[in-house]
PDB file of all heavy atoms in Angstrom:
ATOM      1  N   LEU A   1      34.621   5.714   2.280  1.00  0.00           N
ATOM      2  CA  LEU A   1      34.067   6.911   1.613  1.00  0.00           C
ATOM      3  C   LEU A   1      33.216   7.716   2.583  1.00  0.00           C
ATOM      4  O   LEU A   1      32.471   7.143   3.418  1.00  0.00           O
ATOM      5  CB  LEU A   1      33.189   6.485   0.423  1.00  0.00           C
ATOM      6  CG  LEU A   1      33.899   5.669  -0.641  1.00  0.00           C
ATOM      7  CD1 LEU A   1      32.868   5.313  -1.745  1.00  0.00           C
ATOM      8  CD2 LEU A   1      34.979   6.534  -1.264  1.00  0.00           C
ATOM      9  N   THR A   2      33.233   9.042   2.452  1.00  0.00           N
ATOM     10  CA  THR A   2      32.509   9.887   3.411  1.00  0.00           C
ATOM     11  C   THR A   2      31.001   9.860   3.166  1.00  0.00           C
ATOM     12  O   THR A   2      30.286  10.414   4.002  1.00  0.00           O
ATOM     13  CB  THR A   2      33.028  11.365   3.291  1.00  0.00           C
ATOM     14  OG1 THR A   2      32.934  11.769   1.912  1.00  0.00           O
ATOM     15  CG2 THR A   2      34.377  11.481   3.831  1.00  0.00           C
ATOM     16  N   SER A   3      30.560   9.232   2.106  1.00  0.00           N
ATOM     17  CA  SER A   3      29.152   9.061   1.873  1.00  0.00           C
ATOM     18  C   SER A   3      28.632   7.824   2.551  1.00  0.00           C
ATOM     19  O   SER A   3      27.397   7.520   2.449  1.00  0.00           O
ATOM     20  CB  SER A   3      28.844   8.949   0.333  1.00  0.00           C
ATOM     21  OG  SER A   3      29.525   7.846  -0.203  1.00  0.00           O
ATOM     22  N   MET A   4      29.472   7.037   3.245  1.00  0.00           N
ATOM     23  CA  MET A   4      29.040   5.771   3.820  1.00  0.00           C
ATOM     24  C   MET A   4      29.064   5.845   5.325  1.00  0.00           C
ATOM     25  O   MET A   4      29.917   6.471   5.992  1.00  0.00           O
ATOM     26  CB  MET A   4      29.953   4.682   3.372  1.00  0.00           C
ATOM     27  CG  MET A   4      30.080   4.481   1.898  1.00  0.00           C
ATOM     28  SD  MET A   4      31.118   3.035   1.383  1.00  0.00           S
ATOM     29  CE  MET A   4      30.051   1.632   1.840  1.00  0.00           C
ATOM     30  N   ASP A   5      28.053   5.213   5.974  1.00  0.00           N
ATOM     31  CA  ASP A   5      27.988   5.115   7.428  1.00  0.00           C
ATOM     32  C   ASP A   5      27.994   3.616   7.762  1.00  0.00           C
ATOM     33  O   ASP A   5      28.162   2.741   6.928  1.00  0.00           O
ATOM     34  CB  ASP A   5      26.782   5.845   8.007  1.00  0.00           C
ATOM     35  CG  ASP A   5      25.480   5.430   7.409  1.00  0.00           C
ATOM     36  OD1 ASP A   5      25.377   4.316   6.827  1.00  0.00           O
ATOM     37  OD2 ASP A   5      24.445   6.165   7.547  1.00  0.00           O
ATOM     38  N   ALA A   6      27.734   3.361   9.014  1.00  0.00           N
ATOM     39  CA  ALA A   6      27.744   1.909   9.537  1.00  0.00           C
ATOM     40  C   ALA A   6      26.756   1.026   8.773  1.00  0.00           C
ATOM     41  O   ALA A   6      27.050  -0.100   8.459  1.00  0.00           O
ATOM     42  CB  ALA A   6      27.543   1.888  11.029  1.00  0.00           C
ATOM     43  N   GLU A   7      25.607   1.563   8.529  1.00  0.00           N
ATOM     44  CA  GLU A   7      24.532   0.833   7.829  1.00  0.00           C
ATOM     45  C   GLU A   7      24.992   0.514   6.391  1.00  0.00           C
ATOM     46  O   GLU A   7      24.791  -0.624   5.904  1.00  0.00           O
ATOM     47  CB  GLU A   7      23.216   1.609   7.824  1.00  0.00           C
ATOM     48  CG  GLU A   7      22.104   0.858   7.215  1.00  0.00           C
ATOM     49  CD  GLU A   7      20.794   1.664   7.254  1.00  0.00           C
ATOM     50  OE1 GLU A   7      20.728   2.569   8.062  1.00  0.00           O
ATOM     51  OE2 GLU A   7      19.825   1.302   6.527  1.00  0.00           O
ATOM     52  N   ASP A   8      25.646   1.442   5.734  1.00  0.00           N
ATOM     53  CA  ASP A   8      26.090   1.229   4.386  1.00  0.00           C
ATOM     54  C   ASP A   8      27.209   0.159   4.369  1.00  0.00           C
ATOM     55  O   ASP A   8      27.194  -0.715   3.478  1.00  0.00           O
ATOM     56  CB  ASP A   8      26.671   2.477   3.738  1.00  0.00           C
ATOM     57  CG  ASP A   8      25.641   3.585   3.651  1.00  0.00           C
ATOM     58  OD1 ASP A   8      24.514   3.244   3.151  1.00  0.00           O
ATOM     59  OD2 ASP A   8      25.881   4.733   3.982  1.00  0.00           O
ATOM     60  N   LEU A   9      28.103   0.167   5.334  1.00  0.00           N
ATOM     61  CA  LEU A   9      29.217  -0.817   5.397  1.00  0.00           C
ATOM     62  C   LEU A   9      28.612  -2.227   5.667  1.00  0.00           C
ATOM     63  O   LEU A   9      29.043  -3.236   5.005  1.00  0.00           O
ATOM     64  CB  LEU A   9      30.209  -0.440   6.511  1.00  0.00           C
ATOM     65  CG  LEU A   9      31.071   0.736   6.217  1.00  0.00           C
ATOM     66  CD1 LEU A   9      31.994   1.007   7.386  1.00  0.00           C
ATOM     67  CD2 LEU A   9      31.971   0.513   4.941  1.00  0.00           C
ATOM     68  N   ALA A  10      27.613  -2.304   6.532  1.00  0.00           N
ATOM     69  CA  ALA A  10      26.951  -3.560   6.778  1.00  0.00           C
ATOM     70  C   ALA A  10      26.268  -4.167   5.522  1.00  0.00           C
ATOM     71  O   ALA A  10      26.415  -5.354   5.283  1.00  0.00           O
ATOM     72  CB  ALA A  10      25.965  -3.457   7.955  1.00  0.00           C
ATOM     73  N   GLU A  11      25.656  -3.284   4.810  1.00  0.00           N
ATOM     74  CA  GLU A  11      25.003  -3.690   3.547  1.00  0.00           C
ATOM     75  C   GLU A  11      26.013  -4.225   2.509  1.00  0.00           C
ATOM     76  O   GLU A  11      25.763  -5.152   1.771  1.00  0.00           O
ATOM     77  CB  GLU A  11      24.189  -2.515   2.954  1.00  0.00           C
ATOM     78  CG  GLU A  11      23.380  -2.939   1.724  1.00  0.00           C
ATOM     79  CD  GLU A  11      22.648  -1.718   1.143  1.00  0.00           C
ATOM     80  OE1 GLU A  11      23.048  -0.549   1.409  1.00  0.00           O
ATOM     81  OE2 GLU A  11      21.653  -1.925   0.434  1.00  0.00           O
ATOM     82  N   ALA A  12      27.184  -3.611   2.589  1.00  0.00           N
ATOM     83  CA  ALA A  12      28.294  -4.047   1.614  1.00  0.00           C
ATOM     84  C   ALA A  12      29.028  -5.246   2.145  1.00  0.00           C
ATOM     85  O   ALA A  12      29.980  -5.771   1.427  1.00  0.00           O
ATOM     86  CB  ALA A  12      29.326  -2.890   1.415  1.00  0.00           C
ATOM     87  N   GLY A  13      28.693  -5.792   3.272  1.00  0.00           N
ATOM     88  CA  GLY A  13      29.379  -7.000   3.789  1.00  0.00           C
ATOM     89  C   GLY A  13      30.430  -6.816   4.785  1.00  0.00           C
ATOM     90  O   GLY A  13      31.164  -7.799   5.109  1.00  0.00           O
ATOM     91  N   TYR A  14      30.733  -5.579   5.246  1.00  0.00           N
ATOM     92  CA  TYR A  14      31.750  -5.341   6.168  1.00  0.00           C
ATOM     93  C   TYR A  14      31.257  -5.579   7.649  1.00  0.00           C
ATOM     94  O   TYR A  14      30.108  -5.088   7.941  1.00  0.00           O
ATOM     95  CB  TYR A  14      32.306  -3.905   6.037  1.00  0.00           C
ATOM     96  CG  TYR A  14      33.118  -3.735   4.820  1.00  0.00           C
ATOM     97  CD1 TYR A  14      32.540  -3.156   3.679  1.00  0.00           C
ATOM     98  CD2 TYR A  14      34.474  -4.096   4.770  1.00  0.00           C
ATOM     99  CE1 TYR A  14      33.298  -2.941   2.544  1.00  0.00           C
ATOM    100  CE2 TYR A  14      35.207  -3.859   3.641  1.00  0.00           C
ATOM    101  CZ  TYR A  14      34.647  -3.285   2.494  1.00  0.00           C
ATOM    102  OH  TYR A  14      35.332  -3.114   1.404  1.00  0.00           O
ATOM    103  N   ALA A  15      32.018  -6.178   8.440  1.00  0.00           N
ATOM    104  CA  ALA A  15      31.611  -6.429   9.833  1.00  0.00           C
ATOM    105  C   ALA A  15      31.985  -5.274  10.737  1.00  0.00           C
ATOM    106  O   ALA A  15      31.528  -5.197  11.909  1.00  0.00           O
ATOM    107  CB  ALA A  15      32.322  -7.685  10.345  1.00  0.00           C
ATOM    108  N   HIS A  16      32.723  -4.300  10.210  1.00  0.00           N
ATOM    109  CA  HIS A  16      33.230  -3.212  11.077  1.00  0.00           C
ATOM    110  C   HIS A  16      32.400  -1.906  10.903  1.00  0.00           C
ATOM    111  O   HIS A  16      31.849  -1.714   9.824  1.00  0.00           O
ATOM    112  CB  HIS A  16      34.715  -2.896  10.756  1.00  0.00           C
ATOM    113  CG  HIS A  16      35.650  -4.083  10.928  1.00  0.00           C
ATOM    114  ND1 HIS A  16      35.770  -4.725  12.079  1.00  0.00           N
ATOM    115  CD2 HIS A  16      36.462  -4.646  10.042  1.00  0.00           C
ATOM    116  CE1 HIS A  16      36.601  -5.714  11.967  1.00  0.00           C
ATOM    117  NE2 HIS A  16      37.061  -5.683  10.727  1.00  0.00           N
ATOM    118  N   ASP A  17      32.425  -1.151  11.938  1.00  0.00           N
ATOM    119  CA  ASP A  17      31.858   0.246  11.763  1.00  0.00           C
ATOM    120  C   ASP A  17      32.899   1.070  11.108  1.00  0.00           C
ATOM    121  O   ASP A  17      34.058   0.675  10.967  1.00  0.00           O
ATOM    122  CB  ASP A  17      31.471   0.804  13.124  1.00  0.00           C
ATOM    123  CG  ASP A  17      32.716   0.858  14.114  1.00  0.00           C
ATOM    124  OD1 ASP A  17      33.504   1.829  13.985  1.00  0.00           O
ATOM    125  OD2 ASP A  17      32.905  -0.104  14.851  1.00  0.00           O
ATOM    126  N   PRO A  18      32.530   2.302  10.623  1.00  0.00           N
ATOM    127  CA  PRO A  18      33.527   3.110   9.828  1.00  0.00           C
ATOM    128  C   PRO A  18      34.816   3.379  10.638  1.00  0.00           C
ATOM    129  O   PRO A  18      35.903   3.248  10.045  1.00  0.00           O
ATOM    130  CB  PRO A  18      32.739   4.432   9.634  1.00  0.00           C
ATOM    131  CG  PRO A  18      31.323   3.998   9.491  1.00  0.00           C
ATOM    132  CD  PRO A  18      31.209   2.870  10.581  1.00  0.00           C
ATOM    133  N   GLU A  19      34.710   3.743  11.940  1.00  0.00           N
ATOM    134  CA  GLU A  19      35.940   4.048  12.644  1.00  0.00           C
ATOM    135  C   GLU A  19      36.900   2.869  12.693  1.00  0.00           C
ATOM    136  O   GLU A  19      38.150   2.992  12.549  1.00  0.00           O
ATOM    137  CB  GLU A  19      35.606   4.513  14.057  1.00  0.00           C
ATOM    138  CG  GLU A  19      36.811   4.976  14.849  1.00  0.00           C
ATOM    139  CD  GLU A  19      36.500   5.444  16.219  1.00  0.00           C
ATOM    140  OE1 GLU A  19      35.576   6.228  16.391  1.00  0.00           O
ATOM    141  OE2 GLU A  19      37.257   5.056  17.204  1.00  0.00           O
ATOM    142  N   THR A  20      36.335   1.694  13.017  1.00  0.00           N
ATOM    143  CA  THR A  20      37.189   0.485  13.108  1.00  0.00           C
ATOM    144  C   THR A  20      37.844   0.177  11.815  1.00  0.00           C
ATOM    145  O   THR A  20      39.070  -0.161  11.743  1.00  0.00           O
ATOM    146  CB  THR A  20      36.397  -0.699  13.611  1.00  0.00           C
ATOM    147  OG1 THR A  20      35.760  -0.379  14.859  1.00  0.00           O
ATOM    148  CG2 THR A  20      37.227  -1.929  13.739  1.00  0.00           C
ATOM    149  N   LEU A  21      37.095   0.275  10.728  1.00  0.00           N
ATOM    150  CA  LEU A  21      37.666  -0.012   9.420  1.00  0.00           C
ATOM    151  C   LEU A  21      38.721   1.007   8.978  1.00  0.00           C
ATOM    152  O   LEU A  21      39.781   0.648   8.428  1.00  0.00           O
ATOM    153  CB  LEU A  21      36.526  -0.141   8.351  1.00  0.00           C
ATOM    154  CG  LEU A  21      36.969  -0.536   6.897  1.00  0.00           C
ATOM    155  CD1 LEU A  21      37.684  -1.843   6.980  1.00  0.00           C
ATOM    156  CD2 LEU A  21      35.735  -0.609   6.066  1.00  0.00           C
ATOM    157  N   VAL A  22      38.456   2.249   9.331  1.00  0.00           N
ATOM    158  CA  VAL A  22      39.497   3.343   9.014  1.00  0.00           C
ATOM    159  C   VAL A  22      40.751   3.072   9.777  1.00  0.00           C
ATOM    160  O   VAL A  22      41.856   3.173   9.220  1.00  0.00           O
ATOM    161  CB  VAL A  22      38.912   4.761   9.403  1.00  0.00           C
ATOM    162  CG1 VAL A  22      40.023   5.743   9.392  1.00  0.00           C
ATOM    163  CG2 VAL A  22      37.803   5.097   8.401  1.00  0.00           C
ATOM    164  N   ARG A  23      40.657   2.671  11.055  1.00  0.00           N
ATOM    165  CA  ARG A  23      41.853   2.388  11.808  1.00  0.00           C
ATOM    166  C   ARG A  23      42.665   1.226  11.157  1.00  0.00           C
ATOM    167  O   ARG A  23      43.857   1.333  11.024  1.00  0.00           O
ATOM    168  CB  ARG A  23      41.433   1.935  13.279  1.00  0.00           C
ATOM    169  CG  ARG A  23      40.999   3.039  14.159  1.00  0.00           C
ATOM    170  CD  ARG A  23      40.646   2.465  15.551  1.00  0.00           C
ATOM    171  NE  ARG A  23      40.178   3.442  16.462  1.00  0.00           N
ATOM    172  CZ  ARG A  23      41.030   4.169  17.202  1.00  0.00           C
ATOM    173  NH1 ARG A  23      42.314   4.004  17.130  1.00  0.00           N
ATOM    174  NH2 ARG A  23      40.514   5.106  18.066  1.00  0.00           N
ATOM    175  N   ARG A  24      41.952   0.225  10.783  1.00  0.00           N
ATOM    176  CA  ARG A  24      42.681  -0.915  10.174  1.00  0.00           C
ATOM    177  C   ARG A  24      43.350  -0.534   8.901  1.00  0.00           C
ATOM    178  O   ARG A  24      44.501  -0.913   8.582  1.00  0.00           O
ATOM    179  CB  ARG A  24      41.625  -2.102   9.932  1.00  0.00           C
ATOM    180  CG  ARG A  24      42.190  -3.305   9.223  1.00  0.00           C
ATOM    181  CD  ARG A  24      43.239  -3.953  10.169  1.00  0.00           C
ATOM    182  NE  ARG A  24      43.703  -5.243   9.618  1.00  0.00           N
ATOM    183  CZ  ARG A  24      44.926  -5.692   9.806  1.00  0.00           C
ATOM    184  NH1 ARG A  24      45.819  -4.996  10.513  1.00  0.00           N
ATOM    185  NH2 ARG A  24      45.298  -6.820   9.213  1.00  0.00           N
ATOM    186  N   ARG A  25      42.624   0.146   8.057  1.00  0.00           N
ATOM    187  CA  ARG A  25      43.223   0.602   6.736  1.00  0.00           C
ATOM    188  C   ARG A  25      44.377   1.552   6.947  1.00  0.00           C
ATOM    189  O   ARG A  25      45.299   1.600   6.102  1.00  0.00           O
ATOM    190  CB  ARG A  25      42.088   1.094   5.865  1.00  0.00           C
ATOM    191  CG  ARG A  25      41.221  -0.057   5.347  1.00  0.00           C
ATOM    192  CD  ARG A  25      40.171   0.335   4.399  1.00  0.00           C
ATOM    193  NE  ARG A  25      39.617  -0.821   3.707  1.00  0.00           N
ATOM    194  CZ  ARG A  25      38.503  -0.785   2.963  1.00  0.00           C
ATOM    195  NH1 ARG A  25      37.913   0.350   2.686  1.00  0.00           N
ATOM    196  NH2 ARG A  25      38.126  -1.929   2.342  1.00  0.00           N
ATOM    197  N   ALA A  26      44.265   2.446   7.909  1.00  0.00           N
ATOM    198  CA  ALA A  26      45.341   3.384   8.206  1.00  0.00           C
ATOM    199  C   ALA A  26      46.633   2.594   8.588  1.00  0.00           C
ATOM    200  O   ALA A  26      47.743   2.902   8.145  1.00  0.00           O
ATOM    201  CB  ALA A  26      44.949   4.378   9.294  1.00  0.00           C
ATOM    202  N   GLU A  27      46.480   1.584   9.373  1.00  0.00           N
ATOM    203  CA  GLU A  27      47.629   0.762   9.775  1.00  0.00           C
ATOM    204  C   GLU A  27      48.242   0.062   8.527  1.00  0.00           C
ATOM    205  O   GLU A  27      49.450   0.060   8.394  1.00  0.00           O
ATOM    206  CB  GLU A  27      47.217  -0.196  10.812  1.00  0.00           C
ATOM    207  CG  GLU A  27      46.809   0.393  12.168  1.00  0.00           C
ATOM    208  CD  GLU A  27      46.110  -0.622  13.036  1.00  0.00           C
ATOM    209  OE1 GLU A  27      45.756  -1.744  12.571  1.00  0.00           O
ATOM    210  OE2 GLU A  27      45.856  -0.338  14.207  1.00  0.00           O
ATOM    211  N   GLN A  28      47.353  -0.437   7.675  1.00  0.00           N
ATOM    212  CA  GLN A  28      47.811  -1.165   6.529  1.00  0.00           C
ATOM    213  C   GLN A  28      48.534  -0.205   5.491  1.00  0.00           C
ATOM    214  O   GLN A  28      49.550  -0.603   4.912  1.00  0.00           O
ATOM    215  CB  GLN A  28      46.631  -1.915   5.852  1.00  0.00           C
ATOM    216  CG  GLN A  28      46.132  -3.056   6.729  1.00  0.00           C
ATOM    217  CD  GLN A  28      44.877  -3.654   6.190  1.00  0.00           C
ATOM    218  OE1 GLN A  28      44.020  -2.971   5.594  1.00  0.00           O
ATOM    219  NE2 GLN A  28      44.651  -4.923   6.434  1.00  0.00           N
ATOM    220  N   ALA A  29      47.955   0.968   5.326  1.00  0.00           N
ATOM    221  CA  ALA A  29      48.576   1.970   4.413  1.00  0.00           C
ATOM    222  C   ALA A  29      49.958   2.380   4.931  1.00  0.00           C
ATOM    223  O   ALA A  29      50.865   2.528   4.186  1.00  0.00           O
ATOM    224  CB  ALA A  29      47.663   3.142   4.311  1.00  0.00           C
TER     225      ALA A  29
END
């Protein structure tokens, strides 16, 4: 979500920064 940054992702339990997670999800999609 465009309202989320690296700090928000870390709080939600994700180990990745936004760009890394976007890359992974783009590949999966």
